[in-house]
PDB file of N, CA and C in Angstrom:
ATOM      1  N   LEU A   1       0.854  -1.178  -0.013  1.00  0.00           N
ATOM      2  CA  LEU A   1      -0.025   0.008   0.022  1.00  0.00           C
ATOM      3  C   LEU A   1       0.900   1.212   0.013  1.00  0.00           C
ATOM      4  N   PHE A   2       0.707   2.105  -0.949  1.00  0.00           N
ATOM      5  CA  PHE A   2       1.504   3.304  -1.063  1.00  0.00           C
ATOM      6  C   PHE A   2       0.627   4.545  -1.145  1.00  0.00           C
ATOM      7  N   ALA A   3       1.048   5.604  -0.522  1.00  0.00           N
ATOM      8  CA  ALA A   3       0.347   6.865  -0.614  1.00  0.00           C
ATOM      9  C   ALA A   3       1.384   7.918  -0.989  1.00  0.00           C
ATOM     10  N   PHE A   4       1.101   8.647  -2.065  1.00  0.00           N
ATOM     11  CA  PHE A   4       2.008   9.673  -2.531  1.00  0.00           C
ATOM     12  C   PHE A   4       1.411  11.052  -2.429  1.00  0.00           C
ATOM     13  N   THR A   5       2.234  12.031  -2.013  1.00  0.00           N
ATOM     14  CA  THR A   5       1.754  13.415  -1.981  1.00  0.00           C
ATOM     15  C   THR A   5       2.828  14.232  -2.698  1.00  0.00           C
ATOM     16  N   PHE A   6       2.399  14.990  -3.692  1.00  0.00           N
ATOM     17  CA  PHE A   6       3.315  15.799  -4.501  1.00  0.00           C
ATOM     18  C   PHE A   6       3.133  17.261  -4.164  1.00  0.00           C
ATOM     19  N   PHE A   7       4.265  17.945  -3.956  1.00  0.00           N
ATOM     20  CA  PHE A   7       4.252  19.399  -3.671  1.00  0.00           C
ATOM     21  C   PHE A   7       5.119  20.080  -4.663  1.00  0.00           C
ATOM     22  N   PRO A   8       4.556  20.741  -5.673  1.00  0.00           N
ATOM     23  CA  PRO A   8       5.417  21.482  -6.593  1.00  0.00           C
ATOM     24  C   PRO A   8       5.989  22.733  -5.973  1.00  0.00           C
ATOM     25  N   LEU A   9       7.272  22.985  -6.140  1.00  0.00           N
ATOM     26  CA  LEU A   9       7.896  24.140  -5.619  1.00  0.00           C
ATOM     27  C   LEU A   9       8.579  24.853  -6.782  1.00  0.00           C
ATOM     28  N   LYS A  10       8.461  26.178  -6.838  1.00  0.00           N
ATOM     29  CA  LYS A  10       9.090  26.934  -7.949  1.00  0.00           C
ATOM     30  C   LYS A  10      10.238  27.818  -7.458  1.00  0.00           C
ATOM     31  N   PHE A  11      11.332  27.731  -8.136  1.00  0.00           N
ATOM     32  CA  PHE A  11      12.481  28.526  -7.864  1.00  0.00           C
ATOM     33  C   PHE A  11      12.926  29.163  -9.193  1.00  0.00           C
ATOM     34  N   THR A  12      12.921  30.447  -9.286  1.00  0.00           N
ATOM     35  CA  THR A  12      13.357  31.199 -10.482  1.00  0.00           C
ATOM     36  C   THR A  12      13.110  30.413 -11.753  1.00  0.00           C
ATOM     37  N   GLN A  13      14.200  29.882 -12.343  1.00  0.00           N
ATOM     38  CA  GLN A  13      14.107  29.209 -13.643  1.00  0.00           C
ATOM     39  C   GLN A  13      13.841  27.707 -13.535  1.00  0.00           C
ATOM     40  N   PHE A  14      13.909  27.104 -12.339  1.00  0.00           N
ATOM     41  CA  PHE A  14      13.820  25.684 -12.172  1.00  0.00           C
ATOM     42  C   PHE A  14      12.502  25.307 -11.417  1.00  0.00           C
ATOM     43  N   GLN A  15      12.038  24.117 -11.655  1.00  0.00           N
ATOM     44  CA  GLN A  15      10.860  23.617 -10.943  1.00  0.00           C
ATOM     45  C   GLN A  15      11.268  22.301 -10.296  1.00  0.00           C
ATOM     46  N   PHE A  16      11.141  22.187  -8.998  1.00  0.00           N
ATOM     47  CA  PHE A  16      11.443  21.013  -8.272  1.00  0.00           C
ATOM     48  C   PHE A  16      10.134  20.384  -7.774  1.00  0.00           C
ATOM     49  N   THR A  17      10.108  19.074  -7.679  1.00  0.00           N
ATOM     50  CA  THR A  17       8.970  18.373  -7.163  1.00  0.00           C
ATOM     51  C   THR A  17       9.412  17.561  -5.930  1.00  0.00           C
ATOM     52  N   CYS A  18       8.745  17.792  -4.819  1.00  0.00           N
ATOM     53  CA  CYS A  18       9.021  17.069  -3.588  1.00  0.00           C
ATOM     54  C   CYS A  18       7.846  16.097  -3.361  1.00  0.00           C
ATOM     55  N   PHE A  19       8.080  15.004  -2.783  1.00  0.00           N
ATOM     56  CA  PHE A  19       6.966  14.079  -2.457  1.00  0.00           C
ATOM     57  C   PHE A  19       7.299  13.322  -1.218  1.00  0.00           C
ATOM     58  N   SER A  20       6.205  12.907  -0.537  1.00  0.00           N
ATOM     59  CA  SER A  20       6.359  12.051   0.620  1.00  0.00           C
ATOM     60  C   SER A  20       5.801  10.660   0.301  1.00  0.00           C
ATOM     61  N   LEU A  21       6.358   9.645   0.901  1.00  0.00           N
ATOM     62  CA  LEU A  21       5.952   8.320   0.660  1.00  0.00           C
ATOM     63  C   LEU A  21       5.585   7.669   1.988  1.00  0.00           C
ATOM     64  N   CYS A  22       4.377   7.121   2.087  1.00  0.00           N
ATOM     65  CA  CYS A  22       3.895   6.444   3.299  1.00  0.00           C
ATOM     66  C   CYS A  22       3.682   4.970   2.985  1.00  0.00           C
ATOM     67  N   LEU A  23       4.231   4.112   3.777  1.00  0.00           N
ATOM     68  CA  LEU A  23       4.048   2.700   3.592  1.00  0.00           C
ATOM     69  C   LEU A  23       3.148   2.178   4.700  1.00  0.00           C
ATOM     70  N   ALA A  24       2.342   1.199   4.425  1.00  0.00           N
ATOM     71  CA  ALA A  24       1.509   0.606   5.502  1.00  0.00           C
ATOM     72  C   ALA A  24       2.426  -0.174   6.423  1.00  0.00           C
ATOM     73  N   MET A  25       2.108  -0.143   7.696  1.00  0.00           N
ATOM     74  CA  MET A  25       2.887  -0.905   8.688  1.00  0.00           C
ATOM     75  C   MET A  25       2.413  -2.326   8.791  1.00  0.00           C
ATOM     76  N   ASP A  26       3.352  -3.182   9.197  1.00  0.00           N
ATOM     77  CA  ASP A  26       2.966  -4.570   9.414  1.00  0.00           C
ATOM     78  C   ASP A  26       2.108  -4.666  10.688  1.00  0.00           C
ATOM     79  N   MET A  27       1.432  -5.776  10.835  1.00  0.00           N
ATOM     80  CA  MET A  27       0.438  -5.893  11.888  1.00  0.00           C
ATOM     81  C   MET A  27       0.893  -6.799  12.999  1.00  0.00           C
ATOM     82  N   PRO A  28       0.342  -6.648  14.218  1.00  0.00           N
ATOM     83  CA  PRO A  28       0.636  -7.603  15.261  1.00  0.00           C
ATOM     84  C   PRO A  28       0.114  -9.005  14.872  1.00  0.00           C
ATOM     85  N   ALA A  29       0.641 -10.034  15.499  1.00  0.00           N
ATOM     86  CA  ALA A  29       0.281 -11.362  15.120  1.00  0.00           C
ATOM     87  C   ALA A  29       0.047 -12.236  16.329  1.00  0.00           C
ATOM     88  N   GLU A  30      -0.610 -13.355  16.144  1.00  0.00           N
ATOM     89  CA  GLU A  30      -0.855 -14.388  17.176  1.00  0.00           C
ATOM     90  C   GLU A  30      -1.466 -13.797  18.474  1.00  0.00           C
ATOM     91  N   LEU A  31      -2.585 -13.136  18.289  1.00  0.00           N
ATOM     92  CA  LEU A  31      -3.355 -12.625  19.409  1.00  0.00           C
ATOM     93  C   LEU A  31      -3.999 -13.803  20.106  1.00  0.00           C
ATOM     94  N   THR A  32      -3.661 -14.059  21.365  1.00  0.00           N
ATOM     95  CA  THR A  32      -4.213 -15.217  22.092  1.00  0.00           C
ATOM     96  C   THR A  32      -4.719 -14.762  23.452  1.00  0.00           C
ATOM     97  N   ALA A  33      -5.631 -15.517  24.003  1.00  0.00           N
ATOM     98  CA  ALA A  33      -6.184 -15.299  25.356  1.00  0.00           C
ATOM     99  C   ALA A  33      -5.681 -16.414  26.245  1.00  0.00           C
ATOM    100  N   LEU A  34      -5.158 -16.008  27.412  1.00  0.00           N
ATOM    101  CA  LEU A  34      -4.614 -16.932  28.377  1.00  0.00           C
ATOM    102  C   LEU A  34      -5.334 -16.709  29.703  1.00  0.00           C
ATOM    103  N   ASN A  35      -5.260 -17.699  30.583  1.00  0.00           N
ATOM    104  CA  ASN A  35      -5.767 -17.546  31.899  1.00  0.00           C
ATOM    105  C   ASN A  35      -7.215 -17.039  31.915  1.00  0.00           C
ATOM    106  N   ILE A  36      -8.076 -17.661  31.104  1.00  0.00           N
ATOM    107  CA  ILE A  36      -9.467 -17.224  30.971  1.00  0.00           C
ATOM    108  C   ILE A  36     -10.249 -17.652  32.246  1.00  0.00           C
ATOM    109  N   THR A  37     -10.947 -16.686  32.833  1.00  0.00           N
ATOM    110  CA  THR A  37     -11.751 -16.915  33.999  1.00  0.00           C
ATOM    111  C   THR A  37     -13.199 -16.475  33.675  1.00  0.00           C
ATOM    112  N   PRO A  38     -14.126 -16.624  34.646  1.00  0.00           N
ATOM    113  CA  PRO A  38     -15.503 -16.119  34.367  1.00  0.00           C
ATOM    114  C   PRO A  38     -15.540 -14.622  34.149  1.00  0.00           C
ATOM    115  N   GLN A  39     -14.618 -13.846  34.700  1.00  0.00           N
ATOM    116  CA  GLN A  39     -14.667 -12.393  34.573  1.00  0.00           C
ATOM    117  C   GLN A  39     -13.502 -11.746  33.808  1.00  0.00           C
ATOM    118  N   GLY A  40     -12.582 -12.556  33.319  1.00  0.00           N
ATOM    119  CA  GLY A  40     -11.402 -11.891  32.635  1.00  0.00           C
ATOM    120  C   GLY A  40     -10.569 -12.871  31.855  1.00  0.00           C
ATOM    121  N   ALA A  41      -9.551 -12.258  31.218  1.00  0.00           N
ATOM    122  CA  ALA A  41      -8.577 -13.054  30.459  1.00  0.00           C
ATOM    123  C   ALA A  41      -7.357 -12.150  30.189  1.00  0.00           C
ATOM    124  N   LEU A  42      -6.219 -12.787  30.037  1.00  0.00           N
ATOM    125  CA  LEU A  42      -4.992 -12.090  29.663  1.00  0.00           C
ATOM    126  C   LEU A  42      -4.799 -12.227  28.194  1.00  0.00           C
ATOM    127  N   LEU A  43      -4.721 -11.089  27.481  1.00  0.00           N
ATOM    128  CA  LEU A  43      -4.490 -11.076  26.038  1.00  0.00           C
ATOM    129  C   LEU A  43      -3.006 -10.850  25.793  1.00  0.00           C
ATOM    130  N   ARG A  44      -2.456 -11.642  24.858  1.00  0.00           N
ATOM    131  CA  ARG A  44      -1.030 -11.534  24.523  1.00  0.00           C
ATOM    132  C   ARG A  44      -0.889 -11.595  23.017  1.00  0.00           C
ATOM    133  N   TRP A  45       0.071 -10.872  22.452  1.00  0.00           N
ATOM    134  CA  TRP A  45       0.293 -10.869  21.011  1.00  0.00           C
ATOM    135  C   TRP A  45       1.759 -10.660  20.725  1.00  0.00           C
ATOM    136  N   ASN A  46       2.204 -10.985  19.470  1.00  0.00           N
ATOM    137  CA  ASN A  46       3.503 -10.728  19.002  1.00  0.00           C
ATOM    138  C   ASN A  46       3.504  -9.339  18.303  1.00  0.00           C
ATOM    139  N   ALA A  47       4.525  -8.552  18.654  1.00  0.00           N
ATOM    140  CA  ALA A  47       4.593  -7.218  18.110  1.00  0.00           C
ATOM    141  C   ALA A  47       5.008  -7.264  16.596  1.00  0.00           C
ATOM    142  N   PRO A  48       4.606  -6.248  15.840  1.00  0.00           N
ATOM    143  CA  PRO A  48       5.047  -6.143  14.494  1.00  0.00           C
ATOM    144  C   PRO A  48       6.568  -5.825  14.431  1.00  0.00           C
ATOM    145  N   GLN A  49       7.196  -5.960  13.277  1.00  0.00           N
ATOM    146  CA  GLN A  49       8.596  -5.623  13.136  1.00  0.00           C
ATOM    147  C   GLN A  49       8.882  -4.158  13.323  1.00  0.00           C
ATOM    148  N   SER A  50       7.926  -3.320  12.833  1.00  0.00           N
ATOM    149  CA  SER A  50       8.154  -1.868  12.907  1.00  0.00           C
ATOM    150  C   SER A  50       7.863  -1.308  14.338  1.00  0.00           C
ATOM    151  N   ASN A  51       8.368  -0.143  14.624  1.00  0.00           N
ATOM    152  CA  ASN A  51       8.075   0.510  15.878  1.00  0.00           C
ATOM    153  C   ASN A  51       6.604   0.902  15.970  1.00  0.00           C
ATOM    154  N   VAL A  52       6.059   0.857  17.182  1.00  0.00           N
ATOM    155  CA  VAL A  52       4.649   1.078  17.404  1.00  0.00           C
ATOM    156  C   VAL A  52       4.490   2.180  18.463  1.00  0.00           C
ATOM    157  N   ASP A  53       3.597   3.159  18.226  1.00  0.00           N
ATOM    158  CA  ASP A  53       3.263   4.122  19.262  1.00  0.00           C
ATOM    159  C   ASP A  53       2.260   3.529  20.264  1.00  0.00           C
ATOM    160  N   ASN A  54       1.198   2.951  19.712  1.00  0.00           N
ATOM    161  CA  ASN A  54       0.124   2.408  20.566  1.00  0.00           C
ATOM    162  C   ASN A  54      -0.521   1.190  19.844  1.00  0.00           C
ATOM    163  N   TYR A  55      -1.254   0.461  20.635  1.00  0.00           N
ATOM    164  CA  TYR A  55      -2.148  -0.561  20.094  1.00  0.00           C
ATOM    165  C   TYR A  55      -3.577  -0.153  20.472  1.00  0.00           C
ATOM    166  N   VAL A  56      -4.495  -0.419  19.568  1.00  0.00           N
ATOM    167  CA  VAL A  56      -5.913  -0.129  19.854  1.00  0.00           C
ATOM    168  C   VAL A  56      -6.557  -1.505  19.964  1.00  0.00           C
ATOM    169  N   LEU A  57      -7.198  -1.784  21.113  1.00  0.00           N
ATOM    170  CA  LEU A  57      -7.779  -3.090  21.381  1.00  0.00           C
ATOM    171  C   LEU A  57      -9.266  -2.852  21.606  1.00  0.00           C
ATOM    172  N   THR A  58     -10.102  -3.537  20.837  1.00  0.00           N
ATOM    173  CA  THR A  58     -11.549  -3.436  20.867  1.00  0.00           C
ATOM    174  C   THR A  58     -12.197  -4.729  21.248  1.00  0.00           C
ATOM    175  N   ILE A  59     -13.062  -4.720  22.228  1.00  0.00           N
ATOM    176  CA  ILE A  59     -13.783  -5.866  22.712  1.00  0.00           C
ATOM    177  C   ILE A  59     -15.230  -5.727  22.273  1.00  0.00           C
ATOM    178  N   THR A  60     -15.711  -6.775  21.593  1.00  0.00           N
ATOM    179  CA  THR A  60     -17.091  -6.743  21.046  1.00  0.00           C
ATOM    180  C   THR A  60     -17.869  -7.935  21.607  1.00  0.00           C
ATOM    181  N   HIS A  61     -19.139  -7.718  21.938  1.00  0.00           N
ATOM    182  CA  HIS A  61     -20.021  -8.781  22.411  1.00  0.00           C
ATOM    183  C   HIS A  61     -21.390  -8.564  21.726  1.00  0.00           C
ATOM    184  N   ASN A  62     -21.926  -9.622  21.120  1.00  0.00           N
ATOM    185  CA  ASN A  62     -23.190  -9.510  20.350  1.00  0.00           C
ATOM    186  C   ASN A  62     -23.178  -8.368  19.325  1.00  0.00           C
ATOM    187  N   GLN A  63     -22.027  -8.252  18.648  1.00  0.00           N
ATOM    188  CA  GLN A  63     -21.861  -7.289  17.562  1.00  0.00           C
ATOM    189  C   GLN A  63     -21.920  -5.823  18.044  1.00  0.00           C
ATOM    190  N   LEU A  64     -21.815  -5.600  19.358  1.00  0.00           N
ATOM    191  CA  LEU A  64     -21.761  -4.278  19.937  1.00  0.00           C
ATOM    192  C   LEU A  64     -20.392  -4.085  20.620  1.00  0.00           C
ATOM    193  N   THR A  65     -19.773  -2.933  20.424  1.00  0.00           N
ATOM    194  CA  THR A  65     -18.565  -2.654  21.045  1.00  0.00           C
ATOM    195  C   THR A  65     -18.729  -2.523  22.560  1.00  0.00           C
ATOM    196  N   ALA A  66     -18.039  -3.417  23.283  1.00  0.00           N
ATOM    197  CA  ALA A  66     -18.167  -3.384  24.749  1.00  0.00           C
ATOM    198  C   ALA A  66     -17.168  -2.421  25.370  1.00  0.00           C
ATOM    199  N   ASP A  67     -15.950  -2.350  24.770  1.00  0.00           N
ATOM    200  CA  ASP A  67     -14.940  -1.472  25.305  1.00  0.00           C
ATOM    201  C   ASP A  67     -13.779  -1.343  24.319  1.00  0.00           C
ATOM    202  N   THR A  68     -13.101  -0.179  24.407  1.00  0.00           N
ATOM    203  CA  THR A  68     -11.895   0.022  23.596  1.00  0.00           C
ATOM    204  C   THR A  68     -10.817   0.493  24.522  1.00  0.00           C
ATOM    205  N   PHE A  69      -9.602  -0.048  24.346  1.00  0.00           N
ATOM    206  CA  PHE A  69      -8.427   0.263  25.162  1.00  0.00           C
ATOM    207  C   PHE A  69      -7.298   0.791  24.296  1.00  0.00           C
ATOM    208  N   LEU A  70      -6.557   1.733  24.798  1.00  0.00           N
ATOM    209  CA  LEU A  70      -5.331   2.149  24.165  1.00  0.00           C
ATOM    210  C   LEU A  70      -4.171   1.580  25.000  1.00  0.00           C
ATOM    211  N   VAL A  71      -3.334   0.785  24.337  1.00  0.00           N
ATOM    212  CA  VAL A  71      -2.246   0.108  25.015  1.00  0.00           C
ATOM    213  C   VAL A  71      -0.922   0.652  24.523  1.00  0.00           C
ATOM    214  N   GLU A  72      -0.040   0.984  25.399  1.00  0.00           N
ATOM    215  CA  GLU A  72       1.283   1.514  25.003  1.00  0.00           C
ATOM    216  C   GLU A  72       2.012   0.605  24.045  1.00  0.00           C
ATOM    217  N   GLY A  73       2.771   1.177  23.107  1.00  0.00           N
ATOM    218  CA  GLY A  73       3.429   0.411  22.080  1.00  0.00           C
ATOM    219  C   GLY A  73       4.514  -0.511  22.555  1.00  0.00           C
ATOM    220  N   ASN A  74       5.050  -0.310  23.746  1.00  0.00           N
ATOM    221  CA  ASN A  74       6.085  -1.206  24.275  1.00  0.00           C
ATOM    222  C   ASN A  74       5.497  -2.390  25.035  1.00  0.00           C
ATOM    223  N   LYS A  75       4.185  -2.474  25.130  1.00  0.00           N
ATOM    224  CA  LYS A  75       3.481  -3.595  25.814  1.00  0.00           C
ATOM    225  C   LYS A  75       3.044  -4.593  24.808  1.00  0.00           C
ATOM    226  N   HIS A  76       2.971  -5.869  25.218  1.00  0.00           N
ATOM    227  CA  HIS A  76       2.528  -6.936  24.325  1.00  0.00           C
ATOM    228  C   HIS A  76       1.474  -7.837  24.969  1.00  0.00           C
ATOM    229  N   GLU A  77       0.851  -7.301  26.014  1.00  0.00           N
ATOM    230  CA  GLU A  77      -0.264  -8.005  26.665  1.00  0.00           C
ATOM    231  C   GLU A  77      -1.176  -6.968  27.371  1.00  0.00           C
ATOM    232  N   HIS A  78      -2.376  -7.429  27.642  1.00  0.00           N
ATOM    233  CA  HIS A  78      -3.392  -6.579  28.343  1.00  0.00           C
ATOM    234  C   HIS A  78      -4.308  -7.511  29.095  1.00  0.00           C
ATOM    235  N   GLN A  79      -4.540  -7.150  30.336  1.00  0.00           N
ATOM    236  CA  GLN A  79      -5.473  -7.902  31.174  1.00  0.00           C
ATOM    237  C   GLN A  79      -6.892  -7.372  31.042  1.00  0.00           C
ATOM    238  N   LEU A  80      -7.780  -8.249  30.610  1.00  0.00           N
ATOM    239  CA  LEU A  80      -9.194  -7.876  30.548  1.00  0.00           C
ATOM    240  C   LEU A  80      -9.879  -8.245  31.876  1.00  0.00           C
ATOM    241  N   SER A  81     -10.756  -7.362  32.361  1.00  0.00           N
ATOM    242  CA  SER A  81     -11.520  -7.693  33.536  1.00  0.00           C
ATOM    243  C   SER A  81     -12.934  -7.199  33.374  1.00  0.00           C
ATOM    244  N   SER A  82     -13.753  -7.494  34.343  1.00  0.00           N
ATOM    245  CA  SER A  82     -15.176  -7.097  34.341  1.00  0.00           C
ATOM    246  C   SER A  82     -15.949  -7.714  33.147  1.00  0.00           C
ATOM    247  N   LEU A  83     -15.586  -8.910  32.702  1.00  0.00           N
ATOM    248  CA  LEU A  83     -16.314  -9.579  31.651  1.00  0.00           C
ATOM    249  C   LEU A  83     -17.443 -10.393  32.293  1.00  0.00           C
ATOM    250  N   LYS A  84     -18.376 -10.801  31.464  1.00  0.00           N
ATOM    251  CA  LYS A  84     -19.504 -11.634  31.932  1.00  0.00           C
ATOM    252  C   LYS A  84     -19.151 -13.098  31.807  1.00  0.00           C
ATOM    253  N   PRO A  85     -19.554 -13.942  32.765  1.00  0.00           N
ATOM    254  CA  PRO A  85     -19.344 -15.383  32.684  1.00  0.00           C
ATOM    255  C   PRO A  85     -20.088 -15.992  31.548  1.00  0.00           C
ATOM    256  N   SER A  86     -19.549 -17.093  30.977  1.00  0.00           N
ATOM    257  CA  SER A  86     -20.159 -17.844  29.910  1.00  0.00           C
ATOM    258  C   SER A  86     -20.533 -16.987  28.706  1.00  0.00           C
ATOM    259  N   THR A  87     -19.656 -16.089  28.337  1.00  0.00           N
ATOM    260  CA  THR A  87     -19.944 -15.135  27.255  1.00  0.00           C
ATOM    261  C   THR A  87     -18.850 -15.169  26.239  1.00  0.00           C
ATOM    262  N   THR A  88     -19.230 -15.088  24.975  1.00  0.00           N
ATOM    263  CA  THR A  88     -18.289 -15.042  23.860  1.00  0.00           C
ATOM    264  C   THR A  88     -18.012 -13.576  23.495  1.00  0.00           C
ATOM    265  N   TYR A  89     -16.749 -13.275  23.392  1.00  0.00           N
ATOM    266  CA  TYR A  89     -16.297 -11.912  23.017  1.00  0.00           C
ATOM    267  C   TYR A  89     -15.382 -12.028  21.775  1.00  0.00           C
ATOM    268  N   SER A  90     -15.442 -11.044  20.928  1.00  0.00           N
ATOM    269  CA  SER A  90     -14.517 -10.924  19.790  1.00  0.00           C
ATOM    270  C   SER A  90     -13.542  -9.812  20.182  1.00  0.00           C
ATOM    271  N   VAL A  91     -12.237 -10.057  20.008  1.00  0.00           N
ATOM    272  CA  VAL A  91     -11.220  -9.099  20.347  1.00  0.00           C
ATOM    273  C   VAL A  91     -10.471  -8.694  19.092  1.00  0.00           C
ATOM    274  N   ALA A  92     -10.365  -7.432  18.791  1.00  0.00           N
ATOM    275  CA  ALA A  92      -9.650  -6.951  17.603  1.00  0.00           C
ATOM    276  C   ALA A  92      -8.491  -6.047  18.109  1.00  0.00           C
ATOM    277  N   LEU A  93      -7.341  -6.168  17.422  1.00  0.00           N
ATOM    278  CA  LEU A  93      -6.181  -5.441  17.830  1.00  0.00           C
ATOM    279  C   LEU A  93      -5.437  -4.898  16.576  1.00  0.00           C
ATOM    280  N   TYR A  94      -5.085  -3.602  16.595  1.00  0.00           N
ATOM    281  CA  TYR A  94      -4.202  -3.094  15.524  1.00  0.00           C
ATOM    282  C   TYR A  94      -3.249  -2.131  16.167  1.00  0.00           C
ATOM    283  N   ALA A  95      -2.138  -1.848  15.421  1.00  0.00           N
ATOM    284  CA  ALA A  95      -1.086  -0.955  15.880  1.00  0.00           C
ATOM    285  C   ALA A  95      -1.153   0.361  15.195  1.00  0.00           C
ATOM    286  N   THR A  96      -0.645   1.406  15.846  1.00  0.00           N
ATOM    287  CA  THR A  96      -0.532   2.726  15.249  1.00  0.00           C
ATOM    288  C   THR A  96       0.863   3.258  15.393  1.00  0.00           C
ATOM    289  N   LYS A  97       1.251   4.058  14.375  1.00  0.00           N
ATOM    290  CA  LYS A  97       2.566   4.760  14.449  1.00  0.00           C
ATOM    291  C   LYS A  97       2.322   6.118  13.761  1.00  0.00           C
ATOM    292  N   GLY A  98       2.173   7.175  14.493  1.00  0.00           N
ATOM    293  CA  GLY A  98       1.809   8.469  13.899  1.00  0.00           C
ATOM    294  C   GLY A  98       0.470   8.321  13.182  1.00  0.00           C
ATOM    295  N   PRO A  99       0.396   8.730  11.908  1.00  0.00           N
ATOM    296  CA  PRO A  99      -0.872   8.601  11.169  1.00  0.00           C
ATOM    297  C   PRO A  99      -1.121   7.245  10.598  1.00  0.00           C
ATOM    298  N   LEU A 100      -0.146   6.339  10.700  1.00  0.00           N
ATOM    299  CA  LEU A 100      -0.297   4.996  10.128  1.00  0.00           C
ATOM    300  C   LEU A 100      -0.999   4.012  11.065  1.00  0.00           C
ATOM    301  N   THR A 101      -1.745   3.102  10.477  1.00  0.00           N
ATOM    302  CA  THR A 101      -2.315   1.998  11.227  1.00  0.00           C
ATOM    303  C   THR A 101      -2.052   0.733  10.536  1.00  0.00           C
ATOM    304  N   SER A 102      -1.951  -0.307  11.309  1.00  0.00           N
ATOM    305  CA  SER A 102      -1.669  -1.664  10.756  1.00  0.00           C
ATOM    306  C   SER A 102      -2.996  -2.337  10.397  1.00  0.00           C
ATOM    307  N   GLY A 103      -2.866  -3.521   9.822  1.00  0.00           N
ATOM    308  CA  GLY A 103      -4.039  -4.375   9.678  1.00  0.00           C
ATOM    309  C   GLY A 103      -4.478  -4.870  11.056  1.00  0.00           C
ATOM    310  N   THR A 104      -5.628  -5.465  11.122  1.00  0.00           N
ATOM    311  CA  THR A 104      -6.229  -5.903  12.384  1.00  0.00           C
ATOM    312  C   THR A 104      -6.180  -7.398  12.569  1.00  0.00           C
ATOM    313  N   VAL A 105      -5.787  -7.828  13.720  1.00  0.00           N
ATOM    314  CA  VAL A 105      -5.784  -9.266  14.078  1.00  0.00           C
ATOM    315  C   VAL A 105      -6.975  -9.452  15.039  1.00  0.00           C
ATOM    316  N   ILE A 106      -7.698 -10.564  14.842  1.00  0.00           N
ATOM    317  CA  ILE A 106      -8.953 -10.786  15.623  1.00  0.00           C
ATOM    318  C   ILE A 106      -8.884 -12.179  16.212  1.00  0.00           C
ATOM    319  N   THR A 107      -9.395 -12.310  17.411  1.00  0.00           N
ATOM    320  CA  THR A 107      -9.548 -13.586  18.031  1.00  0.00           C
ATOM    321  C   THR A 107     -10.853 -13.592  18.860  1.00  0.00           C
ATOM    322  N   ASN A 108     -11.417 -14.759  19.112  1.00  0.00           N
ATOM    323  CA  ASN A 108     -12.635 -14.892  19.941  1.00  0.00           C
ATOM    324  C   ASN A 108     -12.268 -15.591  21.253  1.00  0.00           C
ATOM    325  N   ILE A 109     -12.924 -15.153  22.273  1.00  0.00           N
ATOM    326  CA  ILE A 109     -12.729 -15.813  23.575  1.00  0.00           C
ATOM    327  C   ILE A 109     -14.079 -16.141  24.213  1.00  0.00           C
ATOM    328  N   GLN A 110     -14.123 -17.161  24.997  1.00  0.00           N
ATOM    329  CA  GLN A 110     -15.330 -17.514  25.720  1.00  0.00           C
ATOM    330  C   GLN A 110     -14.958 -17.588  27.168  1.00  0.00           C
ATOM    331  N   THR A 111     -15.588 -16.723  27.971  1.00  0.00           N
ATOM    332  CA  THR A 111     -15.297 -16.741  29.426  1.00  0.00           C
ATOM    333  C   THR A 111     -15.919 -18.017  29.983  1.00  0.00           C
ATOM    334  N   ARG A 112     -15.358 -18.436  31.137  1.00  0.00           N
ATOM    335  CA  ARG A 112     -15.797 -19.651  31.795  1.00  0.00           C
ATOM    336  C   ARG A 112     -17.076 -19.417  32.611  1.00  0.00           C
ATOM    337  N   MET A 113     -17.704 -20.525  32.918  1.00  0.00           N
ATOM    338  CA  MET A 113     -18.897 -20.449  33.802  1.00  0.00           C
ATOM    339  C   MET A 113     -18.417 -20.216  35.236  1.00  0.00           C
ATOM    340  N   CYS A 114     -19.317 -19.639  36.072  1.00  0.00           N
ATOM    341  CA  CYS A 114     -18.958 -19.416  37.473  1.00  0.00           C
ATOM    342  C   CYS A 114     -18.841 -20.723  38.199  1.00  0.00           C
TER     343      CYS A 114
END
């Protein structure tokens, strides 16, 4: 994925063209849920190769967004709490670096019964 921006600049007899190039960043991988309890789970993932400012983590239940978390880019896990027992959640995660965003990795988790 490439995005080009061209800025024509004029100097007396010459015309120069400057451009910026933005590349899509690679995405986090292997999003998994560990230590699943009736009210929570530990989410862990592998970081992308590129540097990350933040991760955006979205929890969905019954196709409605239950919660969104901003996780620091140097972290590779997040503890979920206050979940409902015996409930299936969809978890989506993507990385950000300045104006760039990565692709999204998704996993499903089912909390345990009480």
